[in-house]
C-alpha cells in the first residue's frame, strides 16, 4: 500500500501567503530545503524611543528591529505585505511556536480556494521553523512574524500581511522574544 503523500497522482496546490501559488510535487519527489538561508542580522544605531526588547517593523524598509540598550538595535531583513496587504499598528506577542502547523485564515481561503485546510509542520509549511503570533487586545490578529523554507523569498513585498524572515534569522530571534513583547509596525 502506498502512503497517500507518496501517491504520484496527488499534487498539493498551496497559494502561500508570501509566494503566490505554488504547485508542490509529491513528498517523495520534492526538493527538501537543505539550508535555513542567510543570517541577515546586523547591529545598527537606534534613535527611537522604544524600550529595549521591543520589535519595530518598517514596511517601507522591509526590516525588523529588535531594540537593544545604548542606542543600538539588531536589524533583520524581512518580507512584508504585498500591495493591499500592508498594515500598521501596535501589537503584542501572544503566542510562540516551534515548527508550527498552518491553517490558512478563512479570508485567504476565499481568495484562494485551492489552499488546503491545514499544512503540517515541515519543509512545505509557509511558517518555517518558528512563528511569533501577534495579538491585539488579547485576540489573535492572524498576523505572524515567521520563518520560511524558501529563503530566496525574503526581502520583498510578498506576504498577506505577515512578516517573513529566513529560518536562520527566526531561529536566532525566537528565543530572544518574550511573551507580551511590544511590536510596533509602521
Protein backbone atom coordinates (compact mmCIF):
# COMPACT_ATOMS: atom_id res chain seq x y z
CA UNK A 1 0.00 0.00 0.00
CA UNK A 2 1.32 3.42 -0.94
CA UNK A 3 1.26 6.19 1.63
CA UNK A 4 -1.09 8.99 0.41
CA UNK A 5 1.69 11.59 0.45
CA UNK A 6 3.70 9.38 -1.92
CA UNK A 7 0.90 8.80 -4.40
CA UNK A 8 2.15 10.23 -7.73
CA UNK A 9 -1.37 11.37 -8.64
CA UNK A 10 -1.66 13.66 -5.63
CA UNK A 11 -0.26 17.11 -6.04
CA UNK A 12 -0.79 19.78 -3.44
CA UNK A 13 -1.51 23.30 -4.59
CA UNK A 14 -0.60 25.86 -1.98
CA UNK A 15 -1.36 29.53 -2.54
CA UNK A 16 1.22 30.51 0.02
CA UNK A 17 0.60 33.87 1.64
CA UNK A 18 4.02 35.04 0.65
CA UNK A 19 4.82 33.43 -2.64
CA UNK A 20 1.64 33.31 -4.68
CA UNK A 21 0.51 29.89 -5.87
CA UNK A 22 2.98 27.06 -5.81
CA UNK A 23 2.41 23.55 -7.04
CA UNK A 24 4.37 21.14 -4.94
CA UNK A 25 5.30 17.70 -6.23
CA UNK A 26 4.59 14.62 -4.14
CA UNK A 27 6.70 14.43 -1.00
CA UNK A 28 8.93 11.66 -2.38
CA UNK A 29 9.98 13.79 -5.35
CA UNK A 30 10.01 17.27 -3.84
CA UNK A 31 13.28 19.01 -3.14
CA UNK A 32 13.60 19.48 0.61
CA UNK A 33 15.38 22.70 1.63
CA UNK A 34 18.90 21.95 2.84
CA UNK A 35 19.65 25.44 4.12
CA UNK A 36 17.95 27.73 6.59
CA UNK A 37 19.07 30.69 4.48
CA UNK A 38 21.39 33.51 5.41
CA UNK A 39 21.54 35.29 8.73
CA UNK A 40 20.82 38.91 7.88
CA UNK A 41 21.00 40.49 11.33
CA UNK A 42 23.25 43.50 11.85
CA UNK A 43 23.76 45.80 14.81
CA UNK A 44 22.68 49.33 13.86
CA UNK A 45 22.17 52.68 15.60
CA UNK A 46 18.70 53.25 17.02
CA UNK A 47 17.40 56.74 17.79
CA UNK A 48 13.78 55.86 18.51
CA UNK A 49 12.03 55.94 21.88
CA UNK A 50 11.00 52.27 22.22
CA UNK A 51 12.30 50.27 25.20
CA UNK A 52 14.89 47.50 24.82
CA UNK A 53 13.27 44.26 23.69
CA UNK A 54 10.59 45.99 21.59
CA UNK A 55 10.25 44.83 17.99
CA UNK A 56 9.92 47.67 15.47
CA UNK A 57 8.86 46.72 11.94
CA UNK A 58 9.15 49.03 8.94
CA UNK A 59 7.02 48.04 5.95
CA UNK A 60 8.78 50.61 3.76
CA UNK A 61 12.29 49.44 4.65
CA UNK A 62 11.31 45.77 4.86
CA UNK A 63 13.14 45.49 8.16
CA UNK A 64 12.54 44.29 11.69
CA UNK A 65 14.47 45.88 14.56
CA UNK A 66 14.91 44.35 17.98
CA UNK A 67 15.71 47.31 20.20
CA UNK A 68 18.82 46.87 22.33
CA UNK A 69 20.35 49.13 25.00
CA UNK A 70 22.62 52.13 24.48
CA UNK A 71 21.10 53.39 21.22
CA UNK A 72 21.52 50.12 19.33
CA UNK A 73 19.21 47.63 17.62
CA UNK A 74 19.51 44.38 15.72
CA UNK A 75 18.14 44.79 12.20
CA UNK A 76 16.78 41.86 10.17
CA UNK A 77 15.76 41.82 6.51
CA UNK A 78 12.12 40.69 6.12
CA UNK A 79 9.33 40.33 3.60
CA UNK A 80 6.17 42.33 4.25
CA UNK A 81 2.65 42.54 2.86
CA UNK A 82 2.23 42.95 -0.86
CA UNK A 83 0.16 45.82 -2.25
CA UNK A 84 -3.15 45.93 -0.39
CA UNK A 85 -1.92 43.73 2.47
CA UNK A 86 0.33 46.02 4.48
CA UNK A 87 -0.84 47.22 7.84
CA UNK A 88 0.41 49.34 10.74
CA UNK A 89 -0.26 49.35 14.45
CA UNK A 90 0.91 48.23 17.85
CA UNK A 91 0.52 44.61 18.92
CA UNK A 92 1.98 42.21 21.47
CA UNK A 93 3.43 38.74 21.21
CA UNK A 94 0.62 36.45 22.36
CA UNK A 95 1.94 33.06 21.34
CA UNK A 96 5.10 31.41 20.04
CA UNK A 97 5.50 28.07 18.27
CA UNK A 98 8.40 25.91 17.13
CA UNK A 99 7.86 24.19 13.77
CA UNK A 100 4.24 25.36 13.65
CA UNK A 101 1.45 23.94 11.58
CA UNK A 102 -0.51 26.41 9.45
CA UNK A 103 -4.24 26.87 8.95
CA UNK A 104 -4.89 29.48 6.27
CA UNK A 105 -7.40 32.09 7.52
CA UNK A 106 -10.88 31.83 6.01
CA UNK A 107 -10.46 35.14 4.12
CA UNK A 108 -7.33 33.79 2.48
CA UNK A 109 -9.08 30.54 1.55
CA UNK A 110 -11.90 32.58 -0.05
CA UNK A 111 -9.34 34.41 -2.21
CA UNK A 112 -7.50 31.18 -2.97
CA UNK A 113 -9.91 28.21 -2.79
CA UNK A 114 -7.13 25.75 -3.70
CA UNK A 115 -5.46 26.30 -0.31
CA UNK A 116 -5.54 23.29 1.97
CA UNK A 117 -7.32 23.49 5.31
CA UNK A 118 -4.08 22.67 7.13
CA UNK A 119 -0.39 22.39 6.34
CA UNK A 120 1.54 20.29 8.88
CA UNK A 121 4.96 21.31 10.21
CA UNK A 122 7.82 20.57 7.85
CA UNK A 123 9.60 21.70 4.71
CA UNK A 124 6.43 22.80 2.88
CA UNK A 125 4.90 24.82 5.70
CA UNK A 126 4.94 28.55 4.89
CA UNK A 127 5.59 29.49 8.54
CA UNK A 128 9.00 27.82 8.50
CA UNK A 129 10.93 26.91 11.63
CA UNK A 130 9.32 29.30 14.13
CA UNK A 131 6.30 31.58 14.40
CA UNK A 132 5.65 34.52 16.70
CA UNK A 133 1.91 35.26 16.85
CA UNK A 134 0.77 38.87 17.12
CA UNK A 135 -2.17 39.72 19.38
CA UNK A 136 -4.10 42.94 19.96
CA UNK A 137 -6.43 43.40 22.92
CA UNK A 138 -5.80 39.78 23.88
CA UNK A 139 -7.02 38.50 20.48
CA UNK A 140 -5.05 36.86 17.69
CA UNK A 141 -4.60 39.29 14.79
CA UNK A 142 -3.87 36.35 12.42
CA UNK A 143 -0.55 38.08 11.60
CA UNK A 144 2.76 36.44 12.35
CA UNK A 145 6.48 37.03 12.42
CA UNK A 146 7.73 33.77 11.00
CA UNK A 147 10.42 31.93 9.10
CA UNK A 148 10.26 30.42 5.66
CA UNK A 149 11.50 27.31 3.95
CA UNK A 150 12.07 29.45 0.82
CA UNK A 151 14.81 31.84 1.96
CA UNK A 152 15.09 33.40 -1.50
CA UNK A 153 11.65 34.99 -1.00
CA UNK A 154 12.78 37.16 1.94
CA UNK A 155 13.19 40.88 1.33
CA UNK A 156 10.20 41.72 -0.84
CA UNK A 157 6.57 42.79 -0.73
CA UNK A 158 5.12 39.30 -0.93
CA UNK A 159 3.04 38.27 2.07
CA UNK A 160 -0.61 38.62 3.04
CA UNK A 161 0.41 40.84 5.95
CA UNK A 162 2.79 38.61 7.89
CA UNK A 163 6.48 39.37 8.40
CA UNK A 164 8.81 36.73 6.98
CA UNK A 165 12.43 36.11 7.93
CA UNK A 166 14.85 33.43 6.82
CA UNK A 167 14.68 30.35 9.03
CA UNK A 168 18.26 31.17 10.15
CA UNK A 169 17.08 34.59 11.36
CA UNK A 170 13.88 33.39 13.02
CA UNK A 171 15.77 30.59 14.80
CA UNK A 172 18.15 33.23 16.18
CA UNK A 173 15.42 35.78 17.05
CA UNK A 174 12.81 33.42 18.54
CA UNK A 175 14.42 32.74 21.95
CA UNK A 176 15.16 36.45 22.42
CA UNK A 177 11.47 37.46 22.09
CA UNK A 178 9.37 37.09 25.23
CA UNK A 179 5.64 36.61 25.54
CA UNK A 180 3.99 40.03 25.80
CA UNK A 181 6.75 41.79 23.85
CA UNK A 182 5.53 45.03 22.26
CA UNK A 183 5.59 45.04 18.44
CA UNK A 184 5.32 48.37 16.61
CA UNK A 185 4.54 48.22 12.88
CA UNK A 186 4.77 51.33 10.72
